Amino acid sequence: MSKLKTVYDNLLPDVKKALQTSARKYSSAKRLKYTLMSKLMWNELTIDEMRDLITYSDLESWRLNSYAFMYGENIIER
């Protein structure tokens, strides 16, 4: 039986690396990391969690399109 992948597991490598770096510095980023580990689907994330992910993963929100927010395009692996 294979393990179900969480949102954290599906993050693109550069996004995950930036989040891990932030998690070492900030407790709120560490909480976000564990939150992402507890969610199986992108649509389970709240707007606040998406905002924090953008902040702590060094993503540039102005480069993200509506599909990034709705489906995690260019943030998670498909």
Protein backbone atom coordinates (compact mmCIF):
# COMPACT_ATOMS: atom_id res chain seq x y z
CA MET A 1 0.00 0.00 0.00
CA SER A 2 1.44 3.33 -1.02
CA LYS A 3 1.43 6.41 1.15
CA LEU A 4 -0.93 9.20 0.16
CA LYS A 5 0.96 12.31 -0.91
CA THR A 6 0.24 15.50 0.96
CA VAL A 7 0.33 19.04 -0.38
CA TYR A 8 3.79 19.35 1.17
CA ASP A 9 4.99 16.21 -0.65
CA ASN A 10 3.72 17.63 -3.95
CA LEU A 11 5.45 21.01 -3.69
CA LEU A 12 7.89 21.73 -6.47
CA PRO A 13 11.50 21.25 -5.29
CA ASP A 14 12.43 24.95 -5.32
CA VAL A 15 9.25 25.89 -3.45
CA LYS A 16 9.86 23.16 -0.85
CA LYS A 17 13.48 24.20 -0.39
CA ALA A 18 12.54 27.86 0.20
CA LEU A 19 9.84 26.82 2.68
CA GLN A 20 12.30 24.60 4.57
CA THR A 21 14.75 27.49 4.80
CA SER A 22 12.04 29.77 6.17
CA ALA A 23 10.89 27.08 8.61
CA ARG A 24 14.34 27.09 10.20
CA LYS A 25 14.03 30.84 10.82
CA TYR A 26 10.35 31.40 11.62
CA SER A 27 7.99 29.41 13.80
CA SER A 28 5.00 30.45 11.68
CA ALA A 29 6.67 28.96 8.61
CA LYS A 30 7.25 25.76 10.57
CA ARG A 31 3.55 25.65 11.46
CA LEU A 32 2.68 26.15 7.80
CA LYS A 33 4.95 23.25 6.87
CA TYR A 34 3.11 20.94 9.27
CA THR A 35 -0.24 22.24 8.03
CA LEU A 36 0.74 21.37 4.46
CA MET A 37 1.79 17.93 5.67
CA SER A 38 -1.71 17.40 7.06
CA LYS A 39 -3.62 18.34 3.89
CA LEU A 40 -4.03 16.00 0.95
CA MET A 41 -5.51 18.33 -1.63
CA TRP A 42 -4.73 21.87 -2.74
CA ASN A 43 -8.35 22.99 -2.36
CA GLU A 44 -8.17 22.29 1.39
CA LEU A 45 -5.87 25.28 1.89
CA THR A 46 -7.29 28.50 3.25
CA ILE A 47 -6.51 31.88 1.73
CA ASP A 48 -4.30 32.65 4.73
CA GLU A 49 -2.34 29.43 4.22
CA MET A 50 -1.84 30.23 0.53
CA ARG A 51 -0.69 33.73 1.43
CA ASP A 52 1.80 32.29 3.92
CA LEU A 53 3.02 29.76 1.36
CA ILE A 54 3.67 32.56 -1.13
CA THR A 55 5.46 34.59 1.53
CA TYR A 56 7.64 31.84 3.00
CA SER A 57 8.43 30.16 -0.32
CA ASP A 58 9.72 33.36 -1.88
CA LEU A 59 7.13 33.16 -4.66
CA GLU A 60 6.34 36.40 -6.44
CA SER A 61 2.59 36.81 -6.29
CA TRP A 62 2.54 39.15 -9.28
CA ARG A 63 3.86 36.28 -11.42
CA LEU A 64 1.14 33.87 -10.34
CA ASN A 65 -2.00 33.55 -12.43
CA SER A 66 -5.47 32.52 -11.30
CA TYR A 67 -4.65 28.83 -11.91
CA ALA A 68 -1.86 29.05 -9.36
CA PHE A 69 -4.33 30.13 -6.71
CA MET A 70 -7.10 27.74 -7.73
CA TYR A 71 -5.08 24.65 -8.63
CA GLY A 72 -1.51 25.20 -7.41
CA GLU A 73 -0.09 25.57 -10.93
CA ASN A 74 3.68 26.21 -10.79
CA ILE A 75 3.59 25.53 -7.03
CA ILE A 76 2.79 21.81 -6.78
CA GLU A 77 3.56 18.87 -9.04
CA ARG A 78 0.76 17.52 -11.16
